Every structure is written in C-alpha cells, then in structure tokens.
Protein backbone atom coordinates (compact mmCIF):
# COMPACT_ATOMS: atom_id res chain seq x y z
CA MET A 1 0.00 0.00 0.00
CA SER A 2 1.39 3.41 -0.94
CA ILE A 3 1.59 6.48 1.27
CA GLU A 4 -1.07 8.12 -0.90
CA GLU A 5 -3.41 5.15 -0.38
CA ILE A 6 -2.79 5.18 3.36
CA CYS A 7 -3.50 8.92 3.53
CA ALA A 8 -6.69 8.53 1.50
CA GLU A 9 -7.87 5.80 3.84
CA ALA A 10 -6.91 7.81 6.95
CA LYS A 11 -8.98 10.76 5.70
CA ARG A 12 -12.05 8.57 6.17
CA PHE A 13 -11.26 8.15 9.86
CA THR A 14 -12.95 10.19 12.54
CA ARG A 15 -10.91 12.98 14.12
CA GLU A 16 -10.34 10.76 17.15
CA GLU A 17 -9.14 7.85 15.00
CA ARG A 18 -6.74 10.13 13.07
CA GLY A 19 -5.40 11.42 16.37
CA GLU A 20 -4.83 7.88 17.59
CA LEU A 21 -3.09 6.97 14.33
CA PHE A 22 -0.89 10.06 14.53
CA ALA A 23 0.03 9.35 18.16
CA THR A 24 0.89 5.74 17.32
CA LEU A 25 3.10 6.74 14.40
CA ILE A 26 4.90 9.42 16.42
CA ASP A 27 5.43 7.01 19.31
CA ASP A 28 6.89 4.42 16.94
CA LEU A 29 9.59 6.91 15.89
CA GLY A 30 11.11 6.69 19.35
CA SER A 31 13.08 9.42 21.06
CA SER A 32 15.24 11.89 19.23
CA ASP A 33 19.03 11.90 19.25
CA TYR A 34 19.02 15.28 20.98
CA ASP A 35 16.74 14.94 23.97
CA VAL A 36 16.61 18.18 25.98
CA SER A 37 14.98 18.38 29.40
CA ASP A 38 12.50 21.06 30.42
CA GLU A 39 15.04 22.14 33.05
CA GLU A 40 17.71 22.75 30.42
CA VAL A 41 15.29 24.76 28.29
CA ALA A 42 14.31 26.87 31.31
CA GLN A 43 17.98 27.45 32.18
CA ARG A 44 18.76 28.59 28.64
CA VAL A 45 15.78 30.95 28.61
CA THR A 46 17.00 32.43 31.90
CA GLU A 47 20.53 32.85 30.53
CA THR A 48 19.16 34.59 27.45
CA GLU A 49 16.94 36.90 29.46
CA ASP A 50 19.59 37.87 32.02
CA GLY A 51 22.18 38.54 29.32
CA SER A 52 24.71 35.95 30.48
CA VAL A 53 24.71 34.47 26.98
CA GLU A 54 24.55 36.18 23.61
CA CYS A 55 21.96 35.13 21.06
CA ILE A 56 23.11 34.45 17.51
CA SER A 57 21.18 34.11 14.29
CA HIS A 58 20.73 30.86 12.41
CA ASP A 59 23.15 32.12 9.75
CA GLU A 60 25.79 32.78 12.43
CA LEU A 61 25.29 29.29 13.83
CA VAL A 62 25.67 27.65 10.42
CA ALA A 63 28.77 29.75 9.64
CA GLY A 64 30.33 28.66 12.94
CA LEU A 65 29.49 25.00 12.33
CA ASN A 66 31.26 25.18 8.97
CA TYR A 67 34.52 25.79 10.87
CA LEU A 68 34.26 22.57 12.85
CA PRO A 69 36.59 19.78 11.77
CA LYS A 70 34.92 17.12 9.62
CA SER A 71 35.00 13.67 11.16
C-alpha cells in the first residue's frame, strides 16, 4: 500500500481515530538523538533573558558550524 493510499484511507477516519493513528506513528519513531529536558530549556531561557549568553542568528550558527573539523 502506498503512502497516498494510506492517507486517502486515513482521511475517512474520525478525528479521534486520526489522532490515535498520529500518536501511534509518532510514538513508533522513538526518542530523538538530541533529547533536551525542560530544566535545560528553562535554564537557557534564563541565561538569554539575564544577558549571560549572547543570542546568535541561524546564519551565524551555520557559519560557525562550517569551521568545525569534519570527522
């Protein structure tokens, strides 16, 4: 069965059934390789707000990553 066929079939589901399908598929993906705790997020927000760290743009991040040695 193709992705298109699966999507067409899923569109016939009720909202609740689609939600259950979505939750099941997401759960099957497992955890990400870069799990970040709520505590770490809160700490980083605090550091940003109190000025102890400097924010950079996405372009600045990418430019900096380009300088890292390739492994």
